[in-house]
C-alpha atoms as a PDB file:
ATOM      1  CA  UNK A   1      78.805 211.176 158.342  1.00  0.00           C
ATOM      2  CA  UNK A   2      74.840 211.406 159.171  1.00  0.00           C
ATOM      3  CA  UNK A   3      75.649 213.485 161.861  1.00  0.00           C
ATOM      4  CA  UNK A   4      73.059 214.298 164.520  1.00  0.00           C
ATOM      5  CA  UNK A   5      70.471 212.499 162.666  1.00  0.00           C
ATOM      6  CA  UNK A   6      71.832 209.009 163.136  1.00  0.00           C
ATOM      7  CA  UNK A   7      69.658 208.709 166.213  1.00  0.00           C
ATOM      8  CA  UNK A   8      66.275 209.071 164.470  1.00  0.00           C
ATOM      9  CA  UNK A   9      66.769 205.878 162.576  1.00  0.00           C
ATOM     10  CA  UNK A  10      64.047 203.591 162.822  1.00  0.00           C
ATOM     11  CA  UNK A  11      65.375 200.793 161.423  1.00  0.00           C
ATOM     12  CA  UNK A  12      69.121 199.047 161.311  1.00  0.00           C
ATOM     13  CA  UNK A  13      70.557 201.298 158.713  1.00  0.00           C
ATOM     14  CA  UNK A  14      73.872 199.770 158.882  1.00  0.00           C
ATOM     15  CA  UNK A  15      72.496 197.082 156.786  1.00  0.00           C
ATOM     16  CA  UNK A  16      71.164 199.441 153.983  1.00  0.00           C
ATOM     17  CA  UNK A  17      74.323 201.665 154.025  1.00  0.00           C
ATOM     18  CA  UNK A  18      76.570 198.346 153.597  1.00  0.00           C
ATOM     19  CA  UNK A  19      74.357 197.654 150.668  1.00  0.00           C
ATOM     20  CA  UNK A  20      75.211 201.117 148.845  1.00  0.00           C
ATOM     21  CA  UNK A  21      78.669 200.340 149.618  1.00  0.00           C
ATOM     22  CA  UNK A  22      78.691 197.237 147.984  1.00  0.00           C
ATOM     23  CA  UNK A  23      77.153 198.987 145.013  1.00  0.00           C
ATOM     24  CA  UNK A  24      79.761 201.498 145.109  1.00  0.00           C
ATOM     25  CA  UNK A  25      82.510 198.914 145.396  1.00  0.00           C
ATOM     26  CA  UNK A  26      81.274 197.080 142.172  1.00  0.00           C
ATOM     27  CA  UNK A  27      81.163 200.024 140.347  1.00  0.00           C
ATOM     28  CA  UNK A  28      84.869 200.227 140.595  1.00  0.00           C
ATOM     29  CA  UNK A  29      86.390 198.576 137.573  1.00  0.00           C
ATOM     30  CA  UNK A  30      89.734 199.495 137.992  1.00  0.00           C
ATOM     31  CA  UNK A  31      91.168 197.688 141.103  1.00  0.00           C
ATOM     32  CA  UNK A  32      91.361 194.185 141.460  1.00  0.00           C
ATOM     33  CA  UNK A  33      88.713 192.192 142.517  1.00  0.00           C
ATOM     34  CA  UNK A  34      89.083 191.576 146.333  1.00  0.00           C
ATOM     35  CA  UNK A  35      91.079 194.880 146.694  1.00  0.00           C
ATOM     36  CA  UNK A  36      88.690 197.174 144.807  1.00  0.00           C
ATOM     37  CA  UNK A  37      88.346 200.495 146.772  1.00  0.00           C
ATOM     38  CA  UNK A  38      85.292 202.143 147.634  1.00  0.00           C
ATOM     39  CA  UNK A  39      85.327 205.670 146.237  1.00  0.00           C
ATOM     40  CA  UNK A  40      81.933 207.854 147.280  1.00  0.00           C
ATOM     41  CA  UNK A  41      83.694 210.641 145.722  1.00  0.00           C
ATOM     42  CA  UNK A  42      83.097 209.212 142.370  1.00  0.00           C
ATOM     43  CA  UNK A  43      79.379 207.936 143.116  1.00  0.00           C
ATOM     44  CA  UNK A  44      78.290 210.698 145.219  1.00  0.00           C
ATOM     45  CA  UNK A  45      74.435 210.541 143.908  1.00  0.00           C
ATOM     46  CA  UNK A  46      74.353 207.253 145.417  1.00  0.00           C
ATOM     47  CA  UNK A  47      74.123 208.791 149.002  1.00  0.00           C
ATOM     48  CA  UNK A  48      71.433 211.581 147.910  1.00  0.00           C
ATOM     49  CA  UNK A  49      67.976 211.142 149.357  1.00  0.00           C
ATOM     50  CA  UNK A  50      69.300 208.416 152.058  1.00  0.00           C
ATOM     51  CA  UNK A  51      66.431 208.010 154.734  1.00  0.00           C
ATOM     52  CA  UNK A  52      67.189 207.383 157.946  1.00  0.00           C
ATOM     53  CA  UNK A  53      63.387 206.722 158.860  1.00  0.00           C
ATOM     54  CA  UNK A  54      61.095 204.313 156.859  1.00  0.00           C
ATOM     55  CA  UNK A  55      57.748 205.062 159.068  1.00  0.00           C
ATOM     56  CA  UNK A  56      57.846 208.447 158.239  1.00  0.00           C
ATOM     57  CA  UNK A  57      59.859 210.503 155.629  1.00  0.00           C
ATOM     58  CA  UNK A  58      61.046 214.056 156.147  1.00  0.00           C
ATOM     59  CA  UNK A  59      58.834 215.324 153.206  1.00  0.00           C
ATOM     60  CA  UNK A  60      55.579 213.889 154.795  1.00  0.00           C
ATOM     61  CA  UNK A  61      56.437 215.153 158.125  1.00  0.00           C
ATOM     62  CA  UNK A  62      57.807 218.785 157.795  1.00  0.00           C
ATOM     63  CA  UNK A  63      55.542 220.298 155.070  1.00  0.00           C
ATOM     64  CA  UNK A  64      57.132 223.487 154.179  1.00  0.00           C
ATOM     65  CA  UNK A  65      59.715 223.460 151.170  1.00  0.00           C
ATOM     66  CA  UNK A  66      63.129 223.259 152.340  1.00  0.00           C
ATOM     67  CA  UNK A  67      65.817 225.126 150.441  1.00  0.00           C
ATOM     68  CA  UNK A  68      69.543 223.858 150.890  1.00  0.00           C
ATOM     69  CA  UNK A  69      72.951 224.582 149.044  1.00  0.00           C
ATOM     70  CA  UNK A  70      76.125 223.222 149.348  1.00  0.00           C
ATOM     71  CA  UNK A  71      79.426 224.775 148.430  1.00  0.00           C
ATOM     72  CA  UNK A  72      82.334 221.952 148.451  1.00  0.00           C
ATOM     73  CA  UNK A  73      85.205 224.545 147.371  1.00  0.00           C
ATOM     74  CA  UNK A  74      84.381 226.452 150.580  1.00  0.00           C
ATOM     75  CA  UNK A  75      83.287 224.193 152.458  1.00  0.00           C
ATOM     76  CA  UNK A  76      79.656 225.695 153.483  1.00  0.00           C
ATOM     77  CA  UNK A  77      76.429 224.770 153.099  1.00  0.00           C
ATOM     78  CA  UNK A  78      72.939 226.486 154.096  1.00  0.00           C
ATOM     79  CA  UNK A  79      69.482 225.222 154.916  1.00  0.00           C
ATOM     80  CA  UNK A  80      66.307 227.718 154.692  1.00  0.00           C
ATOM     81  CA  UNK A  81      63.461 226.497 156.267  1.00  0.00           C
ATOM     82  CA  UNK A  82      60.347 228.742 156.229  1.00  0.00           C
ATOM     83  CA  UNK A  83      58.102 229.701 158.711  1.00  0.00           C
ATOM     84  CA  UNK A  84      55.933 226.810 160.358  1.00  0.00           C
ATOM     85  CA  UNK A  85      52.878 226.797 161.510  1.00  0.00           C
ATOM     86  CA  UNK A  86      53.076 223.404 163.595  1.00  0.00           C
ATOM     87  CA  UNK A  87      49.230 222.833 163.560  1.00  0.00           C
ATOM     88  CA  UNK A  88      49.041 223.079 159.709  1.00  0.00           C
ATOM     89  CA  UNK A  89      52.689 222.073 158.210  1.00  0.00           C
ATOM     90  CA  UNK A  90      53.919 219.708 161.070  1.00  0.00           C
ATOM     91  CA  UNK A  91      52.675 215.683 160.882  1.00  0.00           C
ATOM     92  CA  UNK A  92      52.606 215.104 164.470  1.00  0.00           C
ATOM     93  CA  UNK A  93      52.528 211.474 163.852  1.00  0.00           C
ATOM     94  CA  UNK A  94      53.154 210.425 167.410  1.00  0.00           C
ATOM     95  CA  UNK A  95      50.978 213.618 168.840  1.00  0.00           C
ATOM     96  CA  UNK A  96      54.137 214.707 171.234  1.00  0.00           C
ATOM     97  CA  UNK A  97      54.054 218.190 172.368  1.00  0.00           C
ATOM     98  CA  UNK A  98      57.499 219.307 171.118  1.00  0.00           C
ATOM     99  CA  UNK A  99      59.681 219.115 168.336  1.00  0.00           C
ATOM    100  CA  UNK A 100      63.067 220.255 166.876  1.00  0.00           C
ATOM    101  CA  UNK A 101      64.998 220.780 163.776  1.00  0.00           C
ATOM    102  CA  UNK A 102      68.713 219.016 163.404  1.00  0.00           C
ATOM    103  CA  UNK A 103      71.170 219.793 160.340  1.00  0.00           C
ATOM    104  CA  UNK A 104      74.306 218.779 159.840  1.00  0.00           C
ATOM    105  CA  UNK A 105      77.301 218.413 157.317  1.00  0.00           C
ATOM    106  CA  UNK A 106      79.835 215.949 157.866  1.00  0.00           C
ATOM    107  CA  UNK A 107      82.483 214.372 155.485  1.00  0.00           C
ATOM    108  CA  UNK A 108      83.057 210.891 154.029  1.00  0.00           C
ATOM    109  CA  UNK A 109      86.557 209.447 153.030  1.00  0.00           C
ATOM    110  CA  UNK A 110      87.049 207.142 150.089  1.00  0.00           C
ATOM    111  CA  UNK A 111      88.150 204.036 150.802  1.00  0.00           C
ATOM    112  CA  UNK A 112      91.248 201.871 149.417  1.00  0.00           C
ATOM    113  CA  UNK A 113      93.155 198.862 149.962  1.00  0.00           C
ATOM    114  CA  UNK A 114      96.475 199.107 151.565  1.00  0.00           C
ATOM    115  CA  UNK A 115      98.822 196.537 150.189  1.00  0.00           C
ATOM    116  CA  UNK A 116     101.429 197.376 153.226  1.00  0.00           C
ATOM    117  CA  UNK A 117      98.673 196.643 155.692  1.00  0.00           C
ATOM    118  CA  UNK A 118      96.792 194.244 153.649  1.00  0.00           C
ATOM    119  CA  UNK A 119      93.355 196.133 154.955  1.00  0.00           C
ATOM    120  CA  UNK A 120      91.390 198.606 153.788  1.00  0.00           C
ATOM    121  CA  UNK A 121      91.812 202.024 155.080  1.00  0.00           C
ATOM    122  CA  UNK A 122      90.502 205.831 154.595  1.00  0.00           C
ATOM    123  CA  UNK A 123      92.436 207.564 151.806  1.00  0.00           C
ATOM    124  CA  UNK A 124      91.960 210.605 154.077  1.00  0.00           C
ATOM    125  CA  UNK A 125      92.542 209.670 157.661  1.00  0.00           C
ATOM    126  CA  UNK A 126      92.076 213.186 158.643  1.00  0.00           C
ATOM    127  CA  UNK A 127      88.251 213.295 157.547  1.00  0.00           C
ATOM    128  CA  UNK A 128      86.996 212.808 160.912  1.00  0.00           C
ATOM    129  CA  UNK A 129      87.896 216.234 161.703  1.00  0.00           C
ATOM    130  CA  UNK A 130      85.404 217.581 159.127  1.00  0.00           C
ATOM    131  CA  UNK A 131      81.688 218.127 160.324  1.00  0.00           C
ATOM    132  CA  UNK A 132      79.585 220.814 161.346  1.00  0.00           C
ATOM    133  CA  UNK A 133      76.234 220.530 163.251  1.00  0.00           C
ATOM    134  CA  UNK A 134      73.131 222.653 164.263  1.00  0.00           C
ATOM    135  CA  UNK A 135      70.539 221.478 166.415  1.00  0.00           C
ATOM    136  CA  UNK A 136      67.501 223.835 167.250  1.00  0.00           C
ATOM    137  CA  UNK A 137      65.669 224.622 170.627  1.00  0.00           C
ATOM    138  CA  UNK A 138      62.663 222.602 171.333  1.00  0.00           C
ATOM    139  CA  UNK A 139      59.514 223.956 169.807  1.00  0.00           C
ATOM    140  CA  UNK A 140      55.959 223.356 170.597  1.00  0.00           C
ATOM    141  CA  UNK A 141      53.962 221.283 168.485  1.00  0.00           C
ATOM    142  CA  UNK A 142      50.862 223.764 168.858  1.00  0.00           C
ATOM    143  CA  UNK A 143      52.797 226.736 167.787  1.00  0.00           C
ATOM    144  CA  UNK A 144      54.590 228.960 164.799  1.00  0.00           C
ATOM    145  CA  UNK A 145      58.319 229.565 164.612  1.00  0.00           C
ATOM    146  CA  UNK A 146      59.840 232.435 162.231  1.00  0.00           C
ATOM    147  CA  UNK A 147      61.684 231.370 159.281  1.00  0.00           C
ATOM    148  CA  UNK A 148      65.366 230.098 160.029  1.00  0.00           C
ATOM    149  CA  UNK A 149      68.375 229.808 157.996  1.00  0.00           C
ATOM    150  CA  UNK A 150      70.954 227.803 159.022  1.00  0.00           C
ATOM    151  CA  UNK A 151      74.852 228.409 157.941  1.00  0.00           C
ATOM    152  CA  UNK A 152      77.284 225.685 158.474  1.00  0.00           C
ATOM    153  CA  UNK A 153      80.883 225.367 157.744  1.00  0.00           C
ATOM    154  CA  UNK A 154      83.400 222.457 157.758  1.00  0.00           C
ATOM    155  CA  UNK A 155      86.631 222.785 160.291  1.00  0.00           C
ATOM    156  CA  UNK A 156      89.633 222.068 158.366  1.00  0.00           C
ATOM    157  CA  UNK A 157      91.835 219.580 160.209  1.00  0.00           C
ATOM    158  CA  UNK A 158      95.029 221.298 161.750  1.00  0.00           C
ATOM    159  CA  UNK A 159      97.243 219.285 159.299  1.00  0.00           C
ATOM    160  CA  UNK A 160      95.922 221.115 156.229  1.00  0.00           C
ATOM    161  CA  UNK A 161      96.984 224.581 155.417  1.00  0.00           C
ATOM    162  CA  UNK A 162      93.873 227.049 155.921  1.00  0.00           C
ATOM    163  CA  UNK A 163      92.299 228.319 152.787  1.00  0.00           C
ATOM    164  CA  UNK A 164      92.518 225.101 150.529  1.00  0.00           C
ATOM    165  CA  UNK A 165      89.565 223.779 149.264  1.00  0.00           C
ATOM    166  CA  UNK A 166      88.217 220.454 150.570  1.00  0.00           C
ATOM    167  CA  UNK A 167      90.382 217.353 149.326  1.00  0.00           C
ATOM    168  CA  UNK A 168      89.243 215.795 146.554  1.00  0.00           C
ATOM    169  CA  UNK A 169      88.934 212.482 148.054  1.00  0.00           C
ATOM    170  CA  UNK A 170      86.097 213.578 150.675  1.00  0.00           C
ATOM    171  CA  UNK A 171      82.384 213.635 149.923  1.00  0.00           C
ATOM    172  CA  UNK A 172      80.467 216.421 152.028  1.00  0.00           C
ATOM    173  CA  UNK A 173      76.848 215.125 153.089  1.00  0.00           C
ATOM    174  CA  UNK A 174      74.275 217.383 154.262  1.00  0.00           C
ATOM    175  CA  UNK A 175      71.247 216.097 156.244  1.00  0.00           C
ATOM    176  CA  UNK A 176      67.849 217.715 158.035  1.00  0.00           C
ATOM    177  CA  UNK A 177      65.581 215.829 160.496  1.00  0.00           C
ATOM    178  CA  UNK A 178      62.997 216.393 162.856  1.00  0.00           C
ATOM    179  CA  UNK A 179      62.636 214.884 166.103  1.00  0.00           C
ATOM    180  CA  UNK A 180      59.784 214.692 168.406  1.00  0.00           C
ATOM    181  CA  UNK A 181      59.904 215.067 172.264  1.00  0.00           C
ATOM    182  CA  UNK A 182      58.206 214.791 175.319  1.00  0.00           C
ATOM    183  CA  UNK A 183      58.611 215.983 179.031  1.00  0.00           C
ATOM    184  CA  UNK A 184      61.600 214.408 180.473  1.00  0.00           C
ATOM    185  CA  UNK A 185      61.695 213.312 184.375  1.00  0.00           C
ATOM    186  CA  UNK A 186      63.682 216.910 185.058  1.00  0.00           C
ATOM    187  CA  UNK A 187      60.882 218.721 183.134  1.00  0.00           C
ATOM    188  CA  UNK A 188      62.296 219.640 180.300  1.00  0.00           C
ATOM    189  CA  UNK A 189      62.012 218.448 176.382  1.00  0.00           C
ATOM    190  CA  UNK A 190      63.516 214.951 175.661  1.00  0.00           C
ATOM    191  CA  UNK A 191      63.633 213.367 172.346  1.00  0.00           C
ATOM    192  CA  UNK A 192      61.385 210.276 172.112  1.00  0.00           C
ATOM    193  CA  UNK A 193      62.853 207.191 170.091  1.00  0.00           C
ATOM    194  CA  UNK A 194      61.524 206.297 166.926  1.00  0.00           C
ATOM    195  CA  UNK A 195      59.443 209.654 167.043  1.00  0.00           C
ATOM    196  CA  UNK A 196      61.542 211.360 164.020  1.00  0.00           C
ATOM    197  CA  UNK A 197      62.626 211.558 160.742  1.00  0.00           C
ATOM    198  CA  UNK A 198      65.767 212.622 158.620  1.00  0.00           C
ATOM    199  CA  UNK A 199      67.401 212.136 155.228  1.00  0.00           C
ATOM    200  CA  UNK A 200      70.635 213.181 153.303  1.00  0.00           C
ATOM    201  CA  UNK A 201      69.432 216.314 151.360  1.00  0.00           C
ATOM    202  CA  UNK A 202      72.454 217.117 149.318  1.00  0.00           C
ATOM    203  CA  UNK A 203      75.817 215.434 148.285  1.00  0.00           C
ATOM    204  CA  UNK A 204      78.827 217.547 147.126  1.00  0.00           C
END
């Protein structure tokens, strides 16, 4: 559900996410010990602000105020990024020639223990079909770009009737990231490992 910012991670994030999952599981006082479900839909705030990068965080790299909104009833989100003068409002900590902005919104299903199969399963098996992402073109780190308004809408699985709201057992996660790049072997910009940052900016 971290979408296209997952490759911006600069530390092993699986352990950090497992820790959040454990807290969510421990918060479940309803189910039997050893069979407690993980209901993110009831603990959404625990994912808000999750960073995939520790060396640099989004606010210290992209020095403009990002406006975000998320409407789960319609399954839509919007990210507005003001005009960026890269020499003033972008912290190019690796001194690379290019950067781009990555935005995505994906869903996470609650998880419960299935007595029939004696294992944990997603309560909504169609959740992987929910998602939308946007990756900007590569910009130079010494130029200026205009304001961007990015609209995202989830794609409902074909098994769900169009027009219905996002199911209650799904949590929508909106992420924003910045990736820096260099000139690749083909002469075009390519991303540089560990040269980026990203975080969860909205949960709904």
